[in-house]
Every structure is written in C-alpha cells, then in structure tokens.
N, C-alpha and C. Protein backbone atom coordinates (compact mmCIF):
# COMPACT_ATOMS: atom_id res chain seq x y z
N UNK A 1 9.15 -11.76 16.04
CA UNK A 1 8.48 -12.17 17.12
C UNK A 1 7.04 -11.28 17.33
N UNK A 2 6.99 -10.36 16.85
CA UNK A 2 6.08 -9.37 16.90
C UNK A 2 5.26 -9.24 15.45
N UNK A 3 5.27 -10.11 14.63
CA UNK A 3 4.65 -9.88 13.65
C UNK A 3 3.93 -11.42 13.24
N UNK A 4 2.77 -11.26 12.56
CA UNK A 4 1.63 -12.28 12.20
C UNK A 4 1.76 -12.16 10.51
N UNK A 5 2.03 -13.45 9.87
CA UNK A 5 2.01 -13.67 8.47
C UNK A 5 0.92 -14.28 7.84
N UNK A 6 0.48 -13.98 6.82
CA UNK A 6 -0.58 -14.68 6.23
C UNK A 6 -0.06 -16.00 5.55
N UNK A 7 -0.60 -16.98 5.23
CA UNK A 7 0.03 -18.39 4.67
C UNK A 7 0.63 -18.02 3.29
N UNK A 8 0.13 -17.01 2.61
CA UNK A 8 0.93 -16.83 1.29
C UNK A 8 1.89 -15.56 1.45
N UNK A 9 2.56 -15.42 2.64
CA UNK A 9 3.56 -14.23 2.57
C UNK A 9 4.73 -14.63 1.71
N UNK A 10 5.17 -15.72 1.87
CA UNK A 10 6.36 -15.68 1.08
C UNK A 10 6.16 -15.99 -0.36
N UNK A 11 4.96 -16.76 -0.72
CA UNK A 11 4.76 -16.78 -2.36
C UNK A 11 4.40 -15.39 -2.96
N UNK A 12 3.80 -14.52 -1.97
CA UNK A 12 3.39 -13.09 -2.49
C UNK A 12 4.77 -12.35 -3.10
N UNK A 13 5.75 -12.46 -2.35
CA UNK A 13 7.30 -11.78 -2.50
C UNK A 13 7.85 -12.61 -3.90
N UNK A 14 7.68 -13.88 -3.87
CA UNK A 14 8.23 -14.84 -4.87
C UNK A 14 7.67 -14.47 -6.08
N UNK A 15 6.37 -14.26 -6.12
CA UNK A 15 5.56 -13.96 -7.24
C UNK A 15 5.78 -12.74 -7.88
N UNK A 16 5.91 -11.75 -7.15
CA UNK A 16 6.49 -10.30 -7.76
C UNK A 16 7.65 -9.91 -7.93
N UNK A 17 8.64 -10.72 -7.10
CA UNK A 17 10.27 -10.54 -7.28
C UNK A 17 10.61 -10.18 -8.73
N UNK A 18 10.01 -10.71 -9.79
CA UNK A 18 10.48 -10.23 -10.98
C UNK A 18 10.39 -8.79 -11.28
N UNK A 19 9.26 -8.39 -10.97
CA UNK A 19 8.78 -6.81 -11.22
C UNK A 19 10.08 -5.96 -10.43
N UNK A 20 10.25 -6.51 -9.41
CA UNK A 20 11.42 -5.53 -8.60
C UNK A 20 12.76 -5.88 -9.16
N UNK A 21 13.09 -6.91 -9.70
CA UNK A 21 14.20 -7.17 -10.28
C UNK A 21 14.61 -6.52 -11.61
N UNK A 22 13.44 -6.61 -12.45
CA UNK A 22 13.28 -6.11 -13.77
C UNK A 22 12.90 -4.74 -14.17
N UNK A 23 12.17 -4.06 -13.25
CA UNK A 23 11.56 -2.79 -13.14
C UNK A 23 12.36 -1.70 -12.61
N UNK A 24 12.94 -0.90 -13.21
CA UNK A 24 14.01 0.04 -12.60
C UNK A 24 12.92 1.21 -11.71
N UNK A 25 11.92 1.19 -11.83
CA UNK A 25 10.76 1.95 -11.24
C UNK A 25 10.22 1.81 -10.00
N UNK A 26 11.07 0.34 -9.57
CA UNK A 26 10.36 -0.45 -8.32
C UNK A 26 11.49 -0.23 -7.49
N UNK A 27 11.36 -0.19 -6.47
CA UNK A 27 12.53 -0.33 -5.11
C UNK A 27 12.40 -1.15 -4.32
N UNK A 28 10.87 -1.50 -3.91
CA UNK A 28 10.52 -2.56 -2.83
C UNK A 28 9.18 -3.14 -3.09
N UNK A 29 8.99 -4.21 -2.45
CA UNK A 29 7.83 -4.74 -2.49
C UNK A 29 7.75 -4.94 -0.74
N UNK A 30 6.22 -4.49 -0.45
CA UNK A 30 5.88 -4.57 0.93
C UNK A 30 4.60 -5.45 1.19
N UNK A 31 4.57 -6.32 2.11
CA UNK A 31 3.62 -7.32 2.23
C UNK A 31 2.19 -6.41 3.13
N UNK A 32 2.53 -5.28 3.36
CA UNK A 32 1.80 -4.42 4.35
C UNK A 32 0.84 -3.58 3.53
N UNK A 33 -0.07 -3.24 4.10
CA UNK A 33 -1.16 -2.00 3.79
C UNK A 33 -1.63 -1.26 4.97
N UNK A 34 -0.98 0.03 5.01
CA UNK A 34 -1.51 0.82 6.11
C UNK A 34 -3.22 0.84 6.27
N UNK A 35 -3.82 0.76 5.13
CA UNK A 35 -5.21 0.85 5.01
C UNK A 35 -5.83 -0.51 4.48
N UNK A 36 -5.49 -1.54 5.18
CA UNK A 36 -5.69 -2.74 4.70
C UNK A 36 -6.82 -3.38 5.70
N UNK A 37 -7.87 -2.55 6.07
CA UNK A 37 -8.90 -2.73 6.99
C UNK A 37 -9.83 -3.65 6.25
N UNK A 38 -10.63 -4.50 7.24
CA UNK A 38 -11.60 -5.52 6.43
C UNK A 38 -12.84 -4.67 5.42
N UNK A 39 -13.18 -3.54 5.96
CA UNK A 39 -13.97 -2.68 5.40
C UNK A 39 -13.56 -2.18 4.03
N UNK A 40 -12.31 -2.01 3.87
CA UNK A 40 -11.64 -1.51 2.77
C UNK A 40 -10.75 -2.47 2.00
N UNK A 41 -10.30 -3.48 2.31
CA UNK A 41 -9.39 -4.55 1.88
C UNK A 41 -10.25 -5.68 1.36
N UNK A 42 -10.73 -5.73 0.27
CA UNK A 42 -11.74 -6.59 -0.31
C UNK A 42 -11.13 -7.72 -1.27
N UNK A 43 -10.28 -7.25 -2.21
CA UNK A 43 -9.68 -8.15 -3.24
C UNK A 43 -8.23 -8.49 -2.98
N UNK A 44 -8.10 -9.85 -2.58
CA UNK A 44 -6.91 -10.33 -1.92
C UNK A 44 -6.02 -10.55 -3.21
N UNK A 45 -6.37 -10.39 -4.39
CA UNK A 45 -5.43 -10.47 -5.70
C UNK A 45 -5.00 -9.23 -6.11
N UNK A 46 -5.53 -8.03 -5.48
CA UNK A 46 -5.13 -6.97 -6.02
C UNK A 46 -3.75 -6.27 -5.45
N UNK A 47 -3.04 -5.66 -6.25
CA UNK A 47 -1.51 -5.18 -5.94
C UNK A 47 -1.34 -3.88 -6.42
N UNK A 48 -0.85 -2.71 -5.66
CA UNK A 48 -0.96 -1.35 -6.23
C UNK A 48 0.60 -1.11 -6.11
N UNK A 49 1.07 0.18 -6.69
CA UNK A 49 2.45 0.95 -6.77
C UNK A 49 2.12 2.33 -5.68
N UNK A 50 3.29 2.54 -4.78
CA UNK A 50 2.71 3.63 -4.31
C UNK A 50 4.17 4.37 -4.19
N UNK A 51 4.34 5.65 -3.87
CA UNK A 51 5.58 6.55 -3.62
C UNK A 51 5.86 6.33 -2.29
N UNK A 52 5.18 6.02 -1.49
CA UNK A 52 5.35 5.77 0.05
C UNK A 52 5.91 4.39 0.64
N UNK A 53 7.02 4.42 1.33
CA UNK A 53 7.67 3.15 1.75
C UNK A 53 6.60 2.53 2.98
N UNK A 54 6.26 1.53 2.79
CA UNK A 54 5.49 1.01 3.67
C UNK A 54 6.58 -0.37 4.31
N UNK A 55 6.80 0.13 5.65
CA UNK A 55 7.85 -0.58 6.44
C UNK A 55 8.07 -1.86 7.11
N UNK A 56 6.60 -2.57 6.79
CA UNK A 56 6.40 -3.73 7.72
C UNK A 56 6.43 -5.00 6.73
N UNK A 57 7.54 -6.09 6.81
CA UNK A 57 7.50 -7.17 5.88
C UNK A 57 7.62 -6.45 4.44
N UNK A 58 8.79 -6.50 4.16
CA UNK A 58 9.17 -5.86 2.89
C UNK A 58 10.43 -6.42 2.24
N UNK A 59 10.54 -6.38 0.99
CA UNK A 59 11.77 -6.96 0.18
C UNK A 59 12.26 -5.86 -0.68
N UNK A 60 13.59 -6.01 -0.64
CA UNK A 60 14.60 -4.90 -1.55
C UNK A 60 15.39 -5.51 -2.04
N UNK A 61 16.12 -5.15 -3.25
CA UNK A 61 17.06 -5.77 -4.13
C UNK A 61 18.59 -5.86 -3.29
N UNK A 62 19.14 -6.61 -3.10
CA UNK A 62 20.63 -6.58 -2.39
C UNK A 62 21.46 -5.47 -3.09
N UNK A 63 21.37 -5.29 -4.14
CA UNK A 63 22.20 -4.21 -4.73
C UNK A 63 21.89 -2.72 -4.38
N UNK A 64 20.39 -2.51 -4.25
CA UNK A 64 19.86 -1.49 -3.56
C UNK A 64 20.44 -1.28 -2.01
N UNK A 65 19.84 -2.20 -1.47
CA UNK A 65 20.49 -2.09 0.23
C UNK A 65 21.75 -1.96 0.36
N UNK A 66 22.92 -2.82 -0.28
CA UNK A 66 24.16 -2.75 -0.05
C UNK A 66 24.75 -1.56 -0.53
N UNK A 67 24.57 -1.09 -1.84
CA UNK A 67 25.15 -0.13 -2.41
C UNK A 67 24.74 1.29 -1.94
N UNK A 68 23.35 1.48 -1.96
CA UNK A 68 22.63 2.69 -1.90
C UNK A 68 22.50 3.27 -0.55
N UNK A 69 21.72 2.13 0.49
CA UNK A 69 21.50 2.53 1.81
C UNK A 69 22.18 1.93 2.86
N UNK A 70 22.97 0.93 2.81
CA UNK A 70 23.93 0.61 3.97
C UNK A 70 24.96 1.67 4.42
N UNK A 71 25.65 2.16 3.40
CA UNK A 71 26.64 3.02 3.66
C UNK A 71 26.32 4.40 4.31
N UNK A 72 24.94 4.60 4.50
CA UNK A 72 24.32 5.89 5.14
C UNK A 72 23.44 5.44 6.12
N UNK A 73 23.05 4.29 6.49
CA UNK A 73 21.91 3.67 7.15
C UNK A 73 21.93 4.54 8.57
N UNK A 74 20.88 4.88 8.86
CA UNK A 74 20.80 5.92 10.14
C UNK A 74 20.56 4.66 11.58
N UNK A 75 20.95 5.31 12.45
CA UNK A 75 20.64 4.43 13.89
C UNK A 75 19.25 4.30 14.21
N UNK A 76 18.37 5.34 13.92
CA UNK A 76 17.01 5.22 14.28
C UNK A 76 15.87 5.86 13.30
N UNK A 77 14.97 5.34 13.04
CA UNK A 77 13.93 5.68 12.38
C UNK A 77 14.33 5.35 11.07
N UNK A 78 14.89 4.25 10.57
CA UNK A 78 15.24 4.08 9.33
C UNK A 78 14.13 3.98 8.45
N UNK A 79 12.68 3.81 8.79
CA UNK A 79 11.67 3.60 7.73
C UNK A 79 11.36 4.84 7.24
N UNK A 80 11.42 6.11 8.02
CA UNK A 80 11.23 7.40 7.55
C UNK A 80 12.24 7.75 6.69
N UNK A 81 13.58 7.32 7.04
CA UNK A 81 14.57 7.90 6.05
C UNK A 81 14.43 7.10 4.77
N UNK A 82 13.95 5.84 4.81
CA UNK A 82 13.92 5.11 3.26
C UNK A 82 12.70 5.86 2.66
N UNK A 83 11.76 6.66 3.27
CA UNK A 83 10.79 7.47 2.52
C UNK A 83 11.32 8.56 1.84
N UNK A 84 12.60 9.11 2.15
CA UNK A 84 13.22 10.23 1.63
C UNK A 84 13.16 10.39 0.10
N UNK A 85 13.60 11.30 -0.55
CA UNK A 85 13.58 11.24 -1.85
C UNK A 85 15.03 10.65 -2.26
N UNK A 86 15.98 10.92 -1.43
CA UNK A 86 17.30 10.43 -1.80
C UNK A 86 17.65 9.05 -1.68
N UNK A 87 16.68 8.28 -0.85
CA UNK A 87 16.72 6.79 -0.93
C UNK A 87 15.60 6.26 -2.26
N UNK A 88 14.73 7.11 -2.05
CA UNK A 88 13.41 6.47 -3.14
C UNK A 88 13.94 6.43 -4.64
N UNK A 89 14.67 8.05 -4.91
CA UNK A 89 15.04 8.24 -6.19
C UNK A 89 14.00 7.95 -7.47
N UNK A 90 12.66 8.56 -6.90
CA UNK A 90 11.62 8.45 -7.79
C UNK A 90 11.19 7.13 -8.01
N UNK A 91 11.73 6.13 -7.39
CA UNK A 91 11.02 4.63 -7.42
C UNK A 91 9.67 4.71 -6.79
N UNK A 92 9.05 3.56 -6.90
CA UNK A 92 8.02 2.96 -5.99
C UNK A 92 7.99 1.64 -5.40
N UNK A 93 7.19 1.53 -4.54
CA UNK A 93 6.76 0.26 -3.72
C UNK A 93 5.57 -0.49 -4.00
N UNK A 94 5.54 -1.76 -4.37
CA UNK A 94 4.26 -2.41 -4.74
C UNK A 94 3.85 -3.11 -3.24
N UNK A 95 2.62 -2.94 -3.23
CA UNK A 95 1.96 -3.32 -1.81
C UNK A 95 0.62 -4.20 -2.25
N UNK A 96 0.09 -4.87 -1.29
CA UNK A 96 -1.00 -5.84 -1.71
C UNK A 96 -2.58 -4.84 -0.99
N UNK A 97 -3.62 -5.17 -1.53
CA UNK A 97 -4.59 -4.48 -1.24
C UNK A 97 -4.91 -5.18 0.30
N UNK A 98 -4.82 -6.54 0.34
CA UNK A 98 -5.06 -7.23 1.62
C UNK A 98 -3.73 -7.71 2.31
N UNK A 99 -3.49 -7.12 3.14
CA UNK A 99 -1.96 -7.31 3.86
C UNK A 99 -1.89 -8.79 4.04
N UNK A 100 -0.34 -9.01 3.82
CA UNK A 100 0.31 -10.37 3.90
C UNK A 100 0.91 -10.50 5.13
N UNK A 101 0.86 -9.42 6.29
CA UNK A 101 1.44 -9.73 7.37
C UNK A 101 0.87 -7.96 8.10
N UNK A 102 1.06 -8.25 9.43
CA UNK A 102 0.93 -6.93 10.35
C UNK A 102 1.51 -7.39 11.65
N UNK A 103 1.76 -6.11 12.19
CA UNK A 103 2.64 -6.11 13.48
C UNK A 103 1.64 -6.24 14.71
N UNK A 104 1.96 -7.10 15.53
CA UNK A 104 1.12 -7.18 16.69
C UNK A 104 1.18 -6.14 17.74
N UNK A 105 2.31 -5.53 17.70
CA UNK A 105 2.57 -4.48 18.44
C UNK A 105 2.58 -4.66 20.19
N UNK A 106 2.62 -5.81 20.48
CA UNK A 106 2.68 -6.07 21.88
C UNK A 106 4.13 -5.73 22.46
N UNK A 107 5.03 -6.20 21.72
CA UNK A 107 6.59 -6.03 21.95
C UNK A 107 7.35 -5.14 20.99
N UNK A 108 6.68 -4.71 19.98
CA UNK A 108 7.39 -3.59 19.13
C UNK A 108 7.82 -2.41 19.63
N UNK A 109 9.14 -2.12 19.19
CA UNK A 109 9.82 -0.92 19.52
C UNK A 109 8.87 0.42 19.33
N UNK A 110 8.28 0.24 17.98
CA UNK A 110 7.75 1.51 17.56
C UNK A 110 6.31 1.65 17.80
N UNK A 111 5.35 0.49 18.20
CA UNK A 111 4.08 0.55 18.24
C UNK A 111 3.86 -0.14 19.61
N UNK A 112 2.91 0.42 20.34
CA UNK A 112 2.57 0.14 21.82
C UNK A 112 1.26 -0.82 21.74
N UNK A 113 0.85 -1.51 22.88
CA UNK A 113 -0.31 -2.34 22.71
C UNK A 113 -1.49 -1.42 22.48
N UNK A 114 -1.53 -0.14 23.19
CA UNK A 114 -2.88 0.64 22.69
C UNK A 114 -2.94 0.93 21.31
N UNK A 115 -1.94 1.22 20.51
CA UNK A 115 -1.93 1.57 19.08
C UNK A 115 -2.34 0.07 18.50
N UNK A 116 -1.75 -1.09 18.83
CA UNK A 116 -2.19 -2.43 18.01
C UNK A 116 -3.78 -2.61 18.51
N UNK A 117 -4.43 -2.54 19.38
CA UNK A 117 -5.80 -2.45 19.82
C UNK A 117 -6.64 -1.55 18.89
N UNK A 118 -6.20 -0.23 18.94
CA UNK A 118 -7.24 0.53 18.25
C UNK A 118 -6.67 0.60 16.46
N UNK A 119 -5.51 0.14 15.90
CA UNK A 119 -5.39 0.07 14.66
C UNK A 119 -5.23 -1.16 14.12
N UNK A 120 -4.09 -1.87 14.45
CA UNK A 120 -3.52 -3.08 13.80
C UNK A 120 -4.61 -4.29 13.71
N UNK A 121 -5.46 -4.07 14.89
CA UNK A 121 -6.15 -5.36 15.26
C UNK A 121 -7.35 -5.59 14.46
N UNK A 122 -7.70 -4.41 13.58
CA UNK A 122 -8.97 -4.05 12.66
C UNK A 122 -8.42 -4.52 11.33
N UNK A 123 -7.11 -4.64 11.07
CA UNK A 123 -6.38 -4.94 9.57
C UNK A 123 -6.86 -6.44 9.38
N UNK A 124 -7.27 -6.58 8.08
CA UNK A 124 -7.40 -7.84 7.36
C UNK A 124 -6.20 -8.42 7.09
N UNK A 125 -5.89 -9.78 7.24
CA UNK A 125 -4.94 -10.79 7.00
C UNK A 125 -5.49 -11.69 6.10
N UNK A 126 -4.59 -11.49 5.02
CA UNK A 126 -5.05 -12.47 3.76
C UNK A 126 -5.15 -14.08 4.48
N UNK A 127 -6.02 -14.71 4.25
CA UNK A 127 -6.17 -16.03 4.93
C UNK A 127 -6.33 -17.18 3.80
N UNK A 128 -5.96 -16.73 2.65
CA UNK A 128 -6.07 -17.91 1.60
C UNK A 128 -4.67 -18.47 1.68
N UNK A 129 -4.54 -19.78 1.98
CA UNK A 129 -3.37 -20.70 2.05
C UNK A 129 -2.60 -20.64 0.76
N UNK A 130 -3.50 -20.96 -0.26
CA UNK A 130 -3.26 -20.98 -1.83
C UNK A 130 -4.09 -19.98 -2.40
N UNK A 131 -3.45 -18.94 -2.86
CA UNK A 131 -4.08 -17.86 -3.44
C UNK A 131 -4.56 -18.35 -4.86
N UNK A 132 -6.07 -18.13 -5.12
CA UNK A 132 -6.32 -18.38 -6.47
C UNK A 132 -6.41 -17.87 -7.48
N UNK A 133 -5.86 -16.49 -7.19
CA UNK A 133 -5.44 -15.63 -8.23
C UNK A 133 -4.68 -14.56 -7.85
N UNK A 134 -3.80 -13.99 -8.59
CA UNK A 134 -3.12 -12.86 -8.29
C UNK A 134 -2.77 -12.02 -9.50
N UNK A 135 -2.70 -10.66 -9.21
CA UNK A 135 -2.74 -9.64 -10.33
C UNK A 135 -1.51 -9.94 -11.30
N UNK A 136 -1.59 -10.33 -12.58
CA UNK A 136 -0.34 -10.86 -13.26
C UNK A 136 1.07 -9.62 -13.10
N UNK A 137 1.90 -10.53 -12.84
CA UNK A 137 3.29 -9.51 -12.18
C UNK A 137 3.47 -8.51 -13.39
N UNK A 138 3.31 -8.73 -14.58
CA UNK A 138 3.40 -7.86 -15.75
C UNK A 138 2.56 -6.55 -15.70
N UNK A 139 1.38 -6.82 -15.28
CA UNK A 139 0.47 -5.53 -14.90
C UNK A 139 1.03 -4.38 -13.96
N UNK A 140 2.31 -4.84 -13.14
CA UNK A 140 2.72 -3.92 -12.27
C UNK A 140 3.90 -3.24 -12.80
N UNK A 141 4.40 -3.61 -13.94
CA UNK A 141 5.19 -2.77 -14.63
C UNK A 141 4.88 -1.48 -14.94
N UNK A 142 5.44 -0.35 -14.83
CA UNK A 142 4.99 0.84 -14.95
C UNK A 142 4.45 1.22 -16.18
N UNK A 143 4.71 1.09 -17.18
CA UNK A 143 4.15 1.32 -18.41
C UNK A 143 2.58 0.62 -18.11
N UNK A 144 2.66 -0.64 -18.19
CA UNK A 144 1.16 -1.47 -18.13
C UNK A 144 0.41 -1.07 -16.91
N UNK A 145 1.14 -0.76 -15.82
CA UNK A 145 0.22 -0.11 -14.67
C UNK A 145 -0.52 1.11 -14.90
N UNK A 146 0.43 2.00 -15.36
CA UNK A 146 -0.35 3.25 -15.89
C UNK A 146 -1.47 3.08 -17.09
N UNK A 147 -1.22 2.34 -17.93
CA UNK A 147 -1.70 2.18 -19.10
C UNK A 147 -3.47 1.64 -18.28
N UNK A 148 -3.33 0.34 -17.66
CA UNK A 148 -4.29 0.05 -16.83
C UNK A 148 -5.29 0.86 -15.91
N UNK A 149 -4.41 1.73 -15.24
CA UNK A 149 -5.00 2.83 -14.42
C UNK A 149 -5.70 3.84 -15.29
N UNK A 150 -5.18 4.11 -16.15
CA UNK A 150 -5.98 5.10 -17.38
C UNK A 150 -7.17 4.42 -17.88
N UNK A 151 -7.17 3.39 -18.29
CA UNK A 151 -8.23 2.63 -18.84
C UNK A 151 -9.45 2.61 -17.72
N UNK A 152 -9.01 2.23 -16.43
CA UNK A 152 -10.16 2.06 -15.12
C UNK A 152 -10.63 3.73 -15.00
N UNK A 153 -9.82 4.64 -14.59
CA UNK A 153 -10.30 6.07 -14.65
C UNK A 153 -11.21 6.36 -15.70
N UNK A 154 -10.93 5.90 -17.07
CA UNK A 154 -11.73 6.36 -18.27
C UNK A 154 -13.06 5.69 -18.16
N UNK A 155 -13.17 4.35 -17.67
CA UNK A 155 -14.31 3.53 -17.50
C UNK A 155 -15.25 4.00 -16.25
N UNK A 156 -14.52 4.76 -15.51
CA UNK A 156 -15.08 5.09 -14.11
C UNK A 156 -16.41 6.01 -14.21
N UNK A 157 -17.24 5.77 -12.91
CA UNK A 157 -18.14 6.85 -12.88
C UNK A 157 -17.84 8.11 -11.98
N UNK A 158 -17.99 9.36 -12.56
CA UNK A 158 -17.22 10.40 -11.96
C UNK A 158 -18.28 10.85 -11.07
N UNK A 159 -17.99 11.24 -9.93
CA UNK A 159 -18.77 11.82 -8.59
C UNK A 159 -18.82 13.20 -8.56
N UNK A 160 -19.66 13.90 -8.78
CA UNK A 160 -19.70 15.38 -8.73
C UNK A 160 -20.09 15.84 -7.23
N UNK A 161 -20.88 14.95 -6.47
CA UNK A 161 -21.46 15.21 -5.52
C UNK A 161 -21.41 14.15 -4.53
N UNK A 162 -20.94 14.48 -3.27
CA UNK A 162 -20.66 13.22 -2.57
C UNK A 162 -21.85 12.51 -1.97
N UNK A 163 -23.14 13.33 -2.41
CA UNK A 163 -24.56 12.45 -1.96
C UNK A 163 -24.72 11.61 -3.05
N UNK A 164 -24.04 11.37 -4.23
CA UNK A 164 -24.44 10.34 -5.21
C UNK A 164 -23.52 8.85 -4.62
N UNK A 165 -22.53 9.05 -3.43
CA UNK A 165 -22.34 7.96 -2.99
C UNK A 165 -23.22 7.05 -2.20
N UNK A 166 -24.29 7.92 -1.85
CA UNK A 166 -25.25 7.28 -0.89
C UNK A 166 -26.24 6.21 -1.70
N UNK A 167 -25.85 6.22 -3.20
CA UNK A 167 -26.43 5.03 -3.84
C UNK A 167 -25.93 3.91 -3.69
N UNK A 168 -24.75 3.89 -3.34
CA UNK A 168 -23.95 2.64 -3.42
C UNK A 168 -23.94 2.14 -1.70
N UNK A 169 -24.40 0.99 -1.36
CA UNK A 169 -24.41 0.78 -0.09
C UNK A 169 -23.27 -0.22 0.25
N UNK A 170 -22.74 -1.01 -0.49
CA UNK A 170 -21.55 -1.75 -0.43
C UNK A 170 -20.56 -1.66 -1.60
N UNK A 171 -19.16 -1.78 -1.20
CA UNK A 171 -18.25 -1.63 -2.22
C UNK A 171 -18.63 -2.69 -3.31
N UNK A 172 -18.88 -4.07 -2.97
CA UNK A 172 -19.15 -5.11 -3.83
C UNK A 172 -20.14 -4.86 -4.86
N UNK A 173 -21.22 -3.84 -4.40
CA UNK A 173 -22.19 -3.97 -5.55
C UNK A 173 -21.98 -3.04 -6.73
N UNK A 174 -20.52 -2.41 -6.58
CA UNK A 174 -20.07 -1.47 -7.78
C UNK A 174 -19.78 -2.48 -9.07
N UNK A 175 -20.49 -1.90 -10.06
CA UNK A 175 -19.90 -2.65 -11.00
C UNK A 175 -18.98 -2.22 -12.06
N UNK A 176 -18.56 -0.89 -11.44
CA UNK A 176 -17.65 -0.20 -12.23
C UNK A 176 -16.82 0.66 -11.11
N UNK A 177 -15.55 1.23 -11.22
CA UNK A 177 -14.80 1.87 -10.19
C UNK A 177 -15.65 3.50 -10.18
N UNK A 178 -15.74 4.01 -9.09
CA UNK A 178 -16.34 5.56 -8.81
C UNK A 178 -15.05 6.31 -8.60
N UNK A 179 -14.89 7.37 -9.15
CA UNK A 179 -14.05 8.44 -8.95
C UNK A 179 -14.41 9.58 -8.47
N UNK A 180 -13.79 10.22 -7.10
CA UNK A 180 -14.43 11.47 -6.67
C UNK A 180 -13.10 12.39 -6.72
N UNK A 181 -13.18 13.61 -7.58
CA UNK A 181 -12.36 14.52 -7.49
C UNK A 181 -12.53 15.84 -6.67
N UNK A 182 -11.49 15.81 -6.05
CA UNK A 182 -11.53 16.94 -5.05
C UNK A 182 -10.85 18.38 -5.86
N UNK A 183 -11.82 19.75 -5.87
CA UNK A 183 -11.46 20.68 -6.13
C UNK A 183 -10.88 21.70 -5.46
N UNK A 184 -10.25 22.50 -5.82
CA UNK A 184 -9.69 23.85 -4.86
C UNK A 184 -8.41 23.50 -4.32
N UNK A 185 -8.37 22.61 -3.45
CA UNK A 185 -6.80 22.48 -2.64
C UNK A 185 -6.82 23.11 -1.55
N UNK A 186 -5.96 23.06 -0.69
CA UNK A 186 -5.63 23.50 0.56
C UNK A 186 -5.82 25.14 0.42
N UNK A 187 -5.38 25.63 -0.68
CA UNK A 187 -5.01 27.03 -0.60
C UNK A 187 -6.41 27.78 -0.44
N UNK A 188 -7.34 27.08 -0.59
CA UNK A 188 -8.81 27.92 -0.82
C UNK A 188 -9.49 27.52 0.76
N UNK A 189 -8.82 26.83 1.71
CA UNK A 189 -9.13 26.52 2.74
C UNK A 189 -8.38 26.86 4.07
N UNK A 190 -8.54 26.39 5.42
CA UNK A 190 -7.96 26.74 6.29
C UNK A 190 -8.04 25.81 7.53
N UNK A 191 -6.93 25.51 8.34
CA UNK A 191 -6.84 24.27 9.01
C UNK A 191 -7.47 25.11 10.63
N UNK A 192 -8.47 24.27 10.92
CA UNK A 192 -8.91 24.66 12.40
C UNK A 192 -7.80 24.07 13.57
N UNK A 193 -8.31 24.38 14.93
CA UNK A 193 -7.10 24.09 15.94
C UNK A 193 -6.85 22.62 15.91
N UNK A 194 -7.89 21.73 15.57
CA UNK A 194 -7.58 20.22 15.73
C UNK A 194 -7.02 19.67 14.29
N UNK A 195 -6.75 20.83 13.34
CA UNK A 195 -6.08 20.31 12.17
C UNK A 195 -7.04 20.07 11.13
N UNK A 196 -8.22 20.04 11.14
CA UNK A 196 -9.16 19.40 10.16
C UNK A 196 -9.36 20.58 9.02
N UNK A 197 -9.43 20.31 7.98
CA UNK A 197 -9.69 21.43 6.72
C UNK A 197 -11.33 21.93 7.14
N UNK A 198 -11.18 23.37 7.02
CA UNK A 198 -12.70 23.85 7.11
C UNK A 198 -12.86 24.71 5.70
C-alpha cells in the first residue's frame, strides 16, 4: 500500500532471476536504486551489482531466506540486519539504474511524509511498459561483470582535475565513461563539526 511499481517491475525480476539462481555470488535482486534520481538515472536498461542490500522491492531465493535468514530473523530493522556480513556472506545484490519501484512514504513505518517529499519524490520510476532492451542477464554473472567493468574502465577518460568535468555539460553528451580517482583517503583529512571532510 505504500509502494509504487513500474510497469515492468515483475518482468525485471523474472528476467534476472536466473542470475540469482545460478550465480552463488548473488543473494538478492532489488527493484530499487537509492540514487535513482532523474538527473542520475538515465539508462533504464542498465543493471549493476552492489554489496549494499537495497531493501525496497527485492527478491531472494527461498533456500537462502528459509535456511539462512528466518532462523535468526530480527524483530526490527531487518534491512540493516540483512546488510551484515553474516547474512551477506560476500554475496552481492543486483539493482537497476532506473528504479522499478519506490516507497511513497505517506504510511510507511520507516519513512515519513517529509522524507518522501525531500527524497523519494525526486526519484525516477521506469515508465516503459515494455522494456525495449535490458542488459543481458549473463553480463551480470560475476566473471562477465568484472571483465566488462575492467574493459569500461580501461576505455574511460581519467579525470585528474575536477575542472575537467566542466567540459561536460550533460551526461548524455559523453561518448565514453569518465573516471574520477580520489587520492589520499580519510587519513589525510579531518572531519569538521558538520561531518564534512576538510
């Protein structure tokens, strides 16, 4: 009652379910993307792998749920619990660039109306009733995914200075991926009172 679904919500799961079943490095498929904002989520065919459990509209194998999770299922904050290493066991979750669902927040137990207005209302929802194309499911099998990612990084333009990004006015105008490397790490920086890196 507090979720909105894209027309291809079910088809999305059915299309990628074989990866979940056949690749032991995957433990769930999520229809949600925390960063699926209209300005960031542009390719409705793109699907990624993540170590982060994305808890809105997800699918897991019955065997994992019954034998691994249910015996120790917590009374509250199950989504945080599922992100723990003991549940994840090094496995990853598949998720779309463009969300196939989102939480409307009006009646949700974990999200209030203010959160919805500030955050979820800006998310893009896939509006394609019949997806024209999806990333081939075999591309998300770990070995294939890592090879494709390595090839993409090798062909990308490396940005050494953030001023170079000013040359690109729109994401769509990029003919190749851009990679920004962050050097140093937090050990060379401090956090100010607002929690921002200085």
